[in-house]
Amino acid sequence: MFTLFHAGAAYSIIPASRRFHVASDELLVMIQRRLGVELTCLRGIGDFSEALGIATDPLGDTFLTYHNHSKRHNDVAEVIAAAARQALCKRVKTDDFESESFSPGARPDIVVYDARGRNRHTLLEVKNVCPISSNPASTGCDGAYTAFANTAPELVRGIMGGNATATRAAMPAKYGPAMHKHCIVIPAIVEVFGGVHANLSDTLSQWSKRAKAKTPPGEDAPWSARNYLPYWSQLISKTAQQGAAREILWRVSEEVATRDAKRERRT
């Protein structure tokens, strides 16, 4: 069975640094989702969203699968990029249009440039995803028992490619041309419950061995984690879960506004 690596790391942070701060309403949503209990912010909404016109669920996952997720995605990508900069001391860029030159039509979220001029750049495609779909037919049962079972197989196959099977055609690698040029491609998958897929977890472990400083400048024990891996795993986990909490709270506010507007029209 696969594990949600670092999913609980967010709850061992020392919030001395601003980047570790979490608002109280966001933290409440994060903890309730972590424990699997009904979100108190959803009480009174019932089992149907009038704003979205779809059924709701006690943990708010419906609100995470319905609209644009670029903010929570970009926040996680920026944290991973910062971790790479500290460990590798190389040029690291995020969401760079020029990086499409590695594989036409495919733009990695993070590029760690090869400082030796061999063009062996490291390309990371970040996915911050919810394992539950708003379409019940798209949510597999395996995800209830195995971490990333509903997300990683298809995402990794789409990024790295896959061979043909008895029921599926072959999938060309999205970054095939870049891999042919000896670039290193890493699917960096994070779920909204704060778990980090093994590909990214292994990458962080490798980076930790190369990090000259254990934590960023000015953030030292006892006011932060003592070492590179716990520090950045805490921040990635916190950022993913906080992004999900913010989306849910924003949707709750939208739902309340929609219902208030309907009441005013009826009066």
C-alpha atoms as a PDB file:
ATOM      1  CA  MET A   1       0.000   0.000   0.000  1.00  0.00           C
ATOM      2  CA  PHE A   2       1.252   3.475  -0.881  1.00  0.00           C
ATOM      3  CA  THR A   3       1.462   6.145   1.788  1.00  0.00           C
ATOM      4  CA  LEU A   4       0.430   9.785   1.843  1.00  0.00           C
ATOM      5  CA  PHE A   5       4.000  10.914   2.478  1.00  0.00           C
ATOM      6  CA  HIS A   6       4.211  14.106   4.571  1.00  0.00           C
ATOM      7  CA  ALA A   7       0.416  14.555   4.798  1.00  0.00           C
ATOM      8  CA  GLY A   8       0.665  15.138   8.542  1.00  0.00           C
ATOM      9  CA  ALA A   9       3.766  17.317   8.346  1.00  0.00           C
ATOM     10  CA  ALA A  10       1.694  20.509   8.391  1.00  0.00           C
ATOM     11  CA  TYR A  11       0.639  19.801  11.966  1.00  0.00           C
ATOM     12  CA  SER A  12       4.149  19.689  13.377  1.00  0.00           C
ATOM     13  CA  ILE A  13       5.158  23.157  12.196  1.00  0.00           C
ATOM     14  CA  ILE A  14       6.330  25.960  14.470  1.00  0.00           C
ATOM     15  CA  PRO A  15       4.464  29.035  13.146  1.00  0.00           C
ATOM     16  CA  ALA A  16       7.194  31.547  13.996  1.00  0.00           C
ATOM     17  CA  SER A  17       7.820  32.408  10.336  1.00  0.00           C
ATOM     18  CA  ARG A  18       5.150  34.247   8.327  1.00  0.00           C
ATOM     19  CA  ARG A  19       5.254  31.597   5.609  1.00  0.00           C
ATOM     20  CA  PHE A  20       3.957  29.068   8.158  1.00  0.00           C
ATOM     21  CA  HIS A  21       1.052  31.207   9.378  1.00  0.00           C
ATOM     22  CA  VAL A  22      -2.486  29.893   8.885  1.00  0.00           C
ATOM     23  CA  ALA A  23      -5.674  31.819   9.638  1.00  0.00           C
ATOM     24  CA  SER A  24      -7.897  30.274  12.303  1.00  0.00           C
ATOM     25  CA  ASP A  25     -10.832  29.568   9.966  1.00  0.00           C
ATOM     26  CA  GLU A  26      -8.494  27.920   7.457  1.00  0.00           C
ATOM     27  CA  LEU A  27      -6.818  25.829  10.155  1.00  0.00           C
ATOM     28  CA  LEU A  28     -10.202  24.605  11.383  1.00  0.00           C
ATOM     29  CA  VAL A  29     -11.095  23.386   7.881  1.00  0.00           C
ATOM     30  CA  MET A  30      -7.679  21.749   7.502  1.00  0.00           C
ATOM     31  CA  ILE A  31      -7.936  19.852  10.790  1.00  0.00           C
ATOM     32  CA  GLN A  32     -11.528  18.746  10.228  1.00  0.00           C
ATOM     33  CA  ARG A  33     -10.637  17.410   6.792  1.00  0.00           C
ATOM     34  CA  ARG A  34      -7.586  15.689   8.262  1.00  0.00           C
ATOM     35  CA  LEU A  35      -9.788  13.978  10.856  1.00  0.00           C
ATOM     36  CA  GLY A  36     -12.543  13.193   8.357  1.00  0.00           C
ATOM     37  CA  VAL A  37     -15.288  15.011  10.243  1.00  0.00           C
ATOM     38  CA  GLU A  38     -18.019  17.227   8.806  1.00  0.00           C
ATOM     39  CA  LEU A  39     -16.890  20.783   8.168  1.00  0.00           C
ATOM     40  CA  THR A  40     -18.617  23.213  10.506  1.00  0.00           C
ATOM     41  CA  CYS A  41     -18.472  25.907   7.812  1.00  0.00           C
ATOM     42  CA  LEU A  42     -20.849  23.772   5.696  1.00  0.00           C
ATOM     43  CA  ARG A  43     -23.548  23.511   8.338  1.00  0.00           C
ATOM     44  CA  GLY A  44     -26.721  25.137   7.107  1.00  0.00           C
ATOM     45  CA  ILE A  45     -25.858  24.619   3.447  1.00  0.00           C
ATOM     46  CA  GLY A  46     -27.351  21.144   3.331  1.00  0.00           C
ATOM     47  CA  ASP A  47     -26.586  18.550   0.690  1.00  0.00           C
ATOM     48  CA  PHE A  48     -27.094  20.790  -2.355  1.00  0.00           C
ATOM     49  CA  SER A  49     -25.258  23.883  -3.579  1.00  0.00           C
ATOM     50  CA  GLU A  50     -27.603  26.462  -5.044  1.00  0.00           C
ATOM     51  CA  ALA A  51     -24.666  28.440  -6.442  1.00  0.00           C
ATOM     52  CA  LEU A  52     -23.204  25.471  -8.319  1.00  0.00           C
ATOM     53  CA  GLY A  53     -26.351  23.434  -8.845  1.00  0.00           C
ATOM     54  CA  ILE A  54     -24.711  20.223  -7.651  1.00  0.00           C
ATOM     55  CA  ALA A  55     -24.734  17.991  -4.565  1.00  0.00           C
ATOM     56  CA  THR A  56     -22.327  18.804  -1.754  1.00  0.00           C
ATOM     57  CA  ASP A  57     -20.373  16.540   0.585  1.00  0.00           C
ATOM     58  CA  PRO A  58     -19.431  16.819   4.296  1.00  0.00           C
ATOM     59  CA  LEU A  59     -15.717  17.429   3.642  1.00  0.00           C
ATOM     60  CA  GLY A  60     -16.166  20.064   0.942  1.00  0.00           C
ATOM     61  CA  ASP A  61     -14.489  18.132  -1.862  1.00  0.00           C
ATOM     62  CA  THR A  62     -17.270  19.100  -4.268  1.00  0.00           C
ATOM     63  CA  PHE A  63     -16.086  22.681  -3.965  1.00  0.00           C
ATOM     64  CA  LEU A  64     -12.515  21.621  -4.811  1.00  0.00           C
ATOM     65  CA  THR A  65     -13.380  19.901  -8.083  1.00  0.00           C
ATOM     66  CA  TYR A  66     -15.600  22.500  -9.679  1.00  0.00           C
ATOM     67  CA  HIS A  67     -13.670  25.611 -10.600  1.00  0.00           C
ATOM     68  CA  ASN A  68     -10.243  26.999 -11.436  1.00  0.00           C
ATOM     69  CA  HIS A  69      -7.472  25.731  -9.159  1.00  0.00           C
ATOM     70  CA  SER A  70      -4.599  27.855 -10.454  1.00  0.00           C
ATOM     71  CA  LYS A  71      -4.016  29.679  -7.136  1.00  0.00           C
ATOM     72  CA  ARG A  72      -3.526  26.557  -5.016  1.00  0.00           C
ATOM     73  CA  HIS A  73      -1.499  24.968  -7.831  1.00  0.00           C
ATOM     74  CA  ASN A  74       0.823  27.963  -8.240  1.00  0.00           C
ATOM     75  CA  ASP A  75       1.351  28.315  -4.481  1.00  0.00           C
ATOM     76  CA  VAL A  76       2.560  24.715  -4.210  1.00  0.00           C
ATOM     77  CA  ALA A  77       4.756  25.111  -7.293  1.00  0.00           C
ATOM     78  CA  GLU A  78       6.425  28.199  -5.794  1.00  0.00           C
ATOM     79  CA  VAL A  79       7.225  26.316  -2.574  1.00  0.00           C
ATOM     80  CA  ILE A  80       8.766  23.395  -4.477  1.00  0.00           C
ATOM     81  CA  ALA A  81      10.787  25.837  -6.580  1.00  0.00           C
ATOM     82  CA  ALA A  82      12.052  27.563  -3.422  1.00  0.00           C
ATOM     83  CA  ALA A  83      13.109  24.189  -2.019  1.00  0.00           C
ATOM     84  CA  ALA A  84      15.064  23.510  -5.224  1.00  0.00           C
ATOM     85  CA  ARG A  85      16.795  26.892  -5.092  1.00  0.00           C
ATOM     86  CA  GLN A  86      17.980  26.394  -1.541  1.00  0.00           C
ATOM     87  CA  ALA A  87      19.266  22.868  -2.082  1.00  0.00           C
ATOM     88  CA  LEU A  88      20.777  23.082  -5.549  1.00  0.00           C
ATOM     89  CA  CYS A  89      21.988  26.698  -5.785  1.00  0.00           C
ATOM     90  CA  LYS A  90      20.994  26.706  -9.452  1.00  0.00           C
ATOM     91  CA  ARG A  91      18.814  28.899 -11.622  1.00  0.00           C
ATOM     92  CA  VAL A  92      15.209  27.848 -11.062  1.00  0.00           C
ATOM     93  CA  LYS A  93      12.262  29.317 -12.963  1.00  0.00           C
ATOM     94  CA  THR A  94       8.529  28.739 -12.671  1.00  0.00           C
ATOM     95  CA  ASP A  95       5.911  28.857 -15.420  1.00  0.00           C
ATOM     96  CA  ASP A  96       8.411  30.121 -17.988  1.00  0.00           C
ATOM     97  CA  PHE A  97       7.180  30.350 -21.586  1.00  0.00           C
ATOM     98  CA  GLU A  98      10.714  29.730 -22.849  1.00  0.00           C
ATOM     99  CA  SER A  99      10.709  26.289 -21.260  1.00  0.00           C
ATOM    100  CA  GLU A 100       8.281  25.048 -23.934  1.00  0.00           C
ATOM    101  CA  SER A 101      11.334  24.778 -26.183  1.00  0.00           C
ATOM    102  CA  PHE A 102      12.308  21.559 -24.393  1.00  0.00           C
ATOM    103  CA  SER A 103       9.131  19.814 -25.559  1.00  0.00           C
ATOM    104  CA  PRO A 104       6.898  21.756 -27.967  1.00  0.00           C
ATOM    105  CA  GLY A 105       3.438  22.190 -26.495  1.00  0.00           C
ATOM    106  CA  ALA A 106       4.496  21.098 -22.999  1.00  0.00           C
ATOM    107  CA  ARG A 107       5.429  23.743 -20.462  1.00  0.00           C
ATOM    108  CA  PRO A 108       6.820  22.461 -17.154  1.00  0.00           C
ATOM    109  CA  ASP A 109       5.828  24.300 -13.994  1.00  0.00           C
ATOM    110  CA  ILE A 110       9.397  24.345 -12.688  1.00  0.00           C
ATOM    111  CA  VAL A 111      12.721  24.204 -14.529  1.00  0.00           C
ATOM    112  CA  VAL A 112      16.007  23.639 -12.711  1.00  0.00           C
ATOM    113  CA  TYR A 113      18.626  24.668 -15.248  1.00  0.00           C
ATOM    114  CA  ASP A 114      21.805  22.662 -15.697  1.00  0.00           C
ATOM    115  CA  ALA A 115      24.637  24.879 -14.487  1.00  0.00           C
ATOM    116  CA  ARG A 116      27.279  22.864 -16.397  1.00  0.00           C
ATOM    117  CA  GLY A 117      25.916  23.668 -19.828  1.00  0.00           C
ATOM    118  CA  ARG A 118      25.073  20.056 -20.710  1.00  0.00           C
ATOM    119  CA  ASN A 119      21.355  20.904 -21.183  1.00  0.00           C
ATOM    120  CA  ARG A 120      20.425  18.200 -18.677  1.00  0.00           C
ATOM    121  CA  HIS A 121      17.767  20.378 -17.121  1.00  0.00           C
ATOM    122  CA  THR A 122      15.304  19.072 -14.539  1.00  0.00           C
ATOM    123  CA  LEU A 123      11.666  19.648 -15.464  1.00  0.00           C
ATOM    124  CA  LEU A 124       8.913  19.317 -12.876  1.00  0.00           C
ATOM    125  CA  GLU A 125       5.245  19.243 -13.743  1.00  0.00           C
ATOM    126  CA  VAL A 126       3.307  20.083 -10.584  1.00  0.00           C
ATOM    127  CA  LYS A 127      -0.165  18.674  -9.962  1.00  0.00           C
ATOM    128  CA  ASN A 128      -2.148  19.737  -6.890  1.00  0.00           C
ATOM    129  CA  VAL A 129      -5.196  17.534  -7.174  1.00  0.00           C
ATOM    130  CA  CYS A 130      -8.236  16.254  -5.311  1.00  0.00           C
ATOM    131  CA  PRO A 131      -8.707  12.447  -5.311  1.00  0.00           C
ATOM    132  CA  ILE A 132     -12.488  12.877  -5.436  1.00  0.00           C
ATOM    133  CA  SER A 133     -14.186  13.951  -8.655  1.00  0.00           C
ATOM    134  CA  SER A 134     -17.429  15.901  -9.004  1.00  0.00           C
ATOM    135  CA  ASN A 135     -18.359  13.138 -11.451  1.00  0.00           C
ATOM    136  CA  PRO A 136     -18.979   9.939  -9.426  1.00  0.00           C
ATOM    137  CA  ALA A 137     -18.061   7.803 -12.445  1.00  0.00           C
ATOM    138  CA  SER A 138     -14.569   9.355 -12.398  1.00  0.00           C
ATOM    139  CA  THR A 139     -13.878   8.568  -8.739  1.00  0.00           C
ATOM    140  CA  GLY A 140     -12.445   5.098  -8.303  1.00  0.00           C
ATOM    141  CA  CYS A 141     -12.951   3.012  -5.178  1.00  0.00           C
ATOM    142  CA  ASP A 142      -9.221   2.290  -4.957  1.00  0.00           C
ATOM    143  CA  GLY A 143      -8.616   5.837  -3.765  1.00  0.00           C
ATOM    144  CA  ALA A 144     -10.451   5.062  -0.533  1.00  0.00           C
ATOM    145  CA  TYR A 145      -7.865   2.416   0.360  1.00  0.00           C
ATOM    146  CA  THR A 146      -4.625   3.388  -1.358  1.00  0.00           C
ATOM    147  CA  ALA A 147      -2.959   6.772  -1.425  1.00  0.00           C
ATOM    148  CA  PHE A 148      -2.889   8.416  -4.855  1.00  0.00           C
ATOM    149  CA  ALA A 149      -4.735   5.504  -6.493  1.00  0.00           C
ATOM    150  CA  ASN A 150      -7.301   7.913  -7.965  1.00  0.00           C
ATOM    151  CA  THR A 151      -4.779  10.455  -9.176  1.00  0.00           C
ATOM    152  CA  ALA A 152      -1.169   9.386  -9.717  1.00  0.00           C
ATOM    153  CA  PRO A 153      -1.513   6.508 -12.246  1.00  0.00           C
ATOM    154  CA  GLU A 154      -3.251   8.619 -14.901  1.00  0.00           C
ATOM    155  CA  LEU A 155      -1.227  11.744 -14.199  1.00  0.00           C
ATOM    156  CA  VAL A 156       2.115   9.939 -14.363  1.00  0.00           C
ATOM    157  CA  ARG A 157       1.037   8.128 -17.517  1.00  0.00           C
ATOM    158  CA  GLY A 158       0.066  11.424 -19.133  1.00  0.00           C
ATOM    159  CA  ILE A 159       3.413  13.008 -18.274  1.00  0.00           C
ATOM    160  CA  MET A 160       5.819  10.106 -18.746  1.00  0.00           C
ATOM    161  CA  GLY A 161       3.866   8.096 -21.328  1.00  0.00           C
ATOM    162  CA  GLY A 162       2.822   4.468 -21.157  1.00  0.00           C
ATOM    163  CA  ASN A 163       2.841   1.279 -23.189  1.00  0.00           C
ATOM    164  CA  ALA A 164      -0.238  -0.181 -24.798  1.00  0.00           C
ATOM    165  CA  THR A 165      -2.251  -2.690 -22.801  1.00  0.00           C
ATOM    166  CA  ALA A 166      -5.081  -5.069 -23.621  1.00  0.00           C
ATOM    167  CA  THR A 167      -7.610  -2.310 -22.982  1.00  0.00           C
ATOM    168  CA  ARG A 168      -5.673   0.878 -23.665  1.00  0.00           C
ATOM    169  CA  ALA A 169      -3.665   2.392 -26.478  1.00  0.00           C
ATOM    170  CA  ALA A 170      -0.098   3.507 -25.946  1.00  0.00           C
ATOM    171  CA  MET A 171       0.328   6.993 -24.491  1.00  0.00           C
ATOM    172  CA  PRO A 172       3.194   9.100 -25.873  1.00  0.00           C
ATOM    173  CA  ALA A 173       5.309  10.894 -23.282  1.00  0.00           C
ATOM    174  CA  LYS A 174       4.294  14.533 -22.935  1.00  0.00           C
ATOM    175  CA  TYR A 175       7.946  15.450 -22.472  1.00  0.00           C
ATOM    176  CA  GLY A 176       9.307  12.912 -24.950  1.00  0.00           C
ATOM    177  CA  PRO A 177      11.514  15.402 -26.861  1.00  0.00           C
ATOM    178  CA  ALA A 178      12.960  16.754 -23.596  1.00  0.00           C
ATOM    179  CA  MET A 179      13.689  13.259 -22.329  1.00  0.00           C
ATOM    180  CA  HIS A 180      15.367  12.483 -25.650  1.00  0.00           C
ATOM    181  CA  LYS A 181      17.625  15.481 -24.976  1.00  0.00           C
ATOM    182  CA  HIS A 182      18.534  13.918 -21.593  1.00  0.00           C
ATOM    183  CA  CYS A 183      16.409  16.259 -19.486  1.00  0.00           C
ATOM    184  CA  ILE A 184      15.114  14.789 -16.239  1.00  0.00           C
ATOM    185  CA  VAL A 185      11.318  14.872 -15.971  1.00  0.00           C
ATOM    186  CA  ILE A 186       9.638  14.579 -12.565  1.00  0.00           C
ATOM    187  CA  PRO A 187       5.861  14.363 -12.005  1.00  0.00           C
ATOM    188  CA  ALA A 188       5.446  16.405  -8.798  1.00  0.00           C
ATOM    189  CA  ILE A 189       2.027  15.295  -7.561  1.00  0.00           C
ATOM    190  CA  VAL A 190       0.501  16.639  -4.350  1.00  0.00           C
ATOM    191  CA  GLU A 191      -3.014  15.894  -3.134  1.00  0.00           C
ATOM    192  CA  VAL A 192      -5.198  18.448  -1.363  1.00  0.00           C
ATOM    193  CA  PHE A 193      -4.978  16.402   1.840  1.00  0.00           C
ATOM    194  CA  GLY A 194      -1.277  17.335   1.964  1.00  0.00           C
ATOM    195  CA  GLY A 195       0.215  14.068   0.772  1.00  0.00           C
ATOM    196  CA  VAL A 196       3.231  14.058  -1.550  1.00  0.00           C
ATOM    197  CA  HIS A 197       3.609  11.315  -4.162  1.00  0.00           C
ATOM    198  CA  ALA A 198       6.681   9.092  -4.000  1.00  0.00           C
ATOM    199  CA  ASN A 199       8.271  10.757  -7.066  1.00  0.00           C
ATOM    200  CA  LEU A 200       8.352  14.136  -5.368  1.00  0.00           C
ATOM    201  CA  SER A 201       9.149  12.683  -1.934  1.00  0.00           C
ATOM    202  CA  ASP A 202      12.211  10.946  -3.370  1.00  0.00           C
ATOM    203  CA  THR A 203      13.247  14.153  -5.129  1.00  0.00           C
ATOM    204  CA  LEU A 204      13.077  16.126  -1.880  1.00  0.00           C
ATOM    205  CA  SER A 205      15.172  13.467  -0.169  1.00  0.00           C
ATOM    206  CA  GLN A 206      17.796  13.736  -2.915  1.00  0.00           C
ATOM    207  CA  TRP A 207      17.806  17.514  -2.696  1.00  0.00           C
ATOM    208  CA  SER A 208      18.220  17.357   1.087  1.00  0.00           C
ATOM    209  CA  LYS A 209      21.533  15.527   0.652  1.00  0.00           C
ATOM    210  CA  ARG A 210      22.814  18.362  -1.534  1.00  0.00           C
ATOM    211  CA  ALA A 211      21.591  21.251   0.603  1.00  0.00           C
ATOM    212  CA  LYS A 212      24.498  23.099   2.183  1.00  0.00           C
ATOM    213  CA  ALA A 213      22.169  24.902   4.591  1.00  0.00           C
ATOM    214  CA  LYS A 214      19.614  22.864   6.501  1.00  0.00           C
ATOM    215  CA  THR A 215      17.014  25.658   6.505  1.00  0.00           C
ATOM    216  CA  PRO A 216      16.632  29.002   4.673  1.00  0.00           C
ATOM    217  CA  PRO A 217      18.636  31.970   5.994  1.00  0.00           C
ATOM    218  CA  GLY A 218      17.126  33.460   9.147  1.00  0.00           C
ATOM    219  CA  GLU A 219      14.965  30.436   9.925  1.00  0.00           C
ATOM    220  CA  ASP A 220      16.799  28.333  12.438  1.00  0.00           C
ATOM    221  CA  ALA A 221      15.913  25.926  15.218  1.00  0.00           C
ATOM    222  CA  PRO A 222      14.225  26.126  17.654  1.00  0.00           C
ATOM    223  CA  TRP A 223      11.992  28.483  15.628  1.00  0.00           C
ATOM    224  CA  SER A 224      11.656  26.132  12.692  1.00  0.00           C
ATOM    225  CA  ALA A 225      12.331  22.514  11.751  1.00  0.00           C
ATOM    226  CA  ARG A 226      15.996  21.633  12.194  1.00  0.00           C
ATOM    227  CA  ASN A 227      16.617  20.024   8.814  1.00  0.00           C
ATOM    228  CA  TYR A 228      15.895  20.533   5.133  1.00  0.00           C
ATOM    229  CA  LEU A 229      13.445  17.671   4.533  1.00  0.00           C
ATOM    230  CA  PRO A 230      11.074  18.274   7.459  1.00  0.00           C
ATOM    231  CA  TYR A 231      11.157  22.024   6.834  1.00  0.00           C
ATOM    232  CA  TRP A 232      10.113  21.854   3.184  1.00  0.00           C
ATOM    233  CA  SER A 233       7.748  18.888   3.590  1.00  0.00           C
ATOM    234  CA  GLN A 234       5.950  20.864   6.295  1.00  0.00           C
ATOM    235  CA  LEU A 235       5.649  23.873   4.027  1.00  0.00           C
ATOM    236  CA  ILE A 236       4.449  21.889   0.995  1.00  0.00           C
ATOM    237  CA  SER A 237       1.895  19.989   3.076  1.00  0.00           C
ATOM    238  CA  LYS A 238       0.655  23.165   4.750  1.00  0.00           C
ATOM    239  CA  THR A 239       0.421  25.048   1.450  1.00  0.00           C
ATOM    240  CA  ALA A 240      -1.583  22.294  -0.262  1.00  0.00           C
ATOM    241  CA  GLN A 241      -4.050  21.940   2.598  1.00  0.00           C
ATOM    242  CA  GLN A 242      -4.357  25.662   3.178  1.00  0.00           C
ATOM    243  CA  GLY A 243      -5.091  26.201  -0.520  1.00  0.00           C
ATOM    244  CA  ALA A 244      -7.902  23.653  -0.341  1.00  0.00           C
ATOM    245  CA  ALA A 245      -9.307  25.272   2.820  1.00  0.00           C
ATOM    246  CA  ARG A 246      -9.301  28.688   1.168  1.00  0.00           C
ATOM    247  CA  GLU A 247     -11.170  27.378  -1.853  1.00  0.00           C
ATOM    248  CA  ILE A 248     -13.812  25.766   0.330  1.00  0.00           C
ATOM    249  CA  LEU A 249     -14.293  28.899   2.430  1.00  0.00           C
ATOM    250  CA  TRP A 250     -14.538  31.030  -0.700  1.00  0.00           C
ATOM    251  CA  ARG A 251     -17.209  28.708  -2.083  1.00  0.00           C
ATOM    252  CA  VAL A 252     -19.113  28.846   1.204  1.00  0.00           C
ATOM    253  CA  SER A 253     -19.099  32.650   1.023  1.00  0.00           C
ATOM    254  CA  GLU A 254     -20.329  32.471  -2.578  1.00  0.00           C
ATOM    255  CA  GLU A 255     -23.074  30.056  -1.547  1.00  0.00           C
ATOM    256  CA  VAL A 256     -24.255  32.363   1.236  1.00  0.00           C
ATOM    257  CA  ALA A 257     -24.282  35.350  -1.140  1.00  0.00           C
ATOM    258  CA  THR A 258     -26.295  33.390  -3.717  1.00  0.00           C
ATOM    259  CA  ARG A 259     -28.926  32.359  -1.162  1.00  0.00           C
ATOM    260  CA  ASP A 260     -29.153  35.866   0.271  1.00  0.00           C
ATOM    261  CA  ALA A 261     -29.695  37.289  -3.213  1.00  0.00           C
ATOM    262  CA  LYS A 262     -32.494  34.775  -3.860  1.00  0.00           C
ATOM    263  CA  ARG A 263     -34.209  35.708  -0.615  1.00  0.00           C
ATOM    264  CA  GLU A 264     -34.071  39.393  -1.506  1.00  0.00           C
ATOM    265  CA  ARG A 265     -35.628  38.742  -4.909  1.00  0.00           C
ATOM    266  CA  ARG A 266     -38.497  36.839  -3.280  1.00  0.00           C
ATOM    267  CA  THR A 267     -39.261  39.645  -0.820  1.00  0.00           C
END
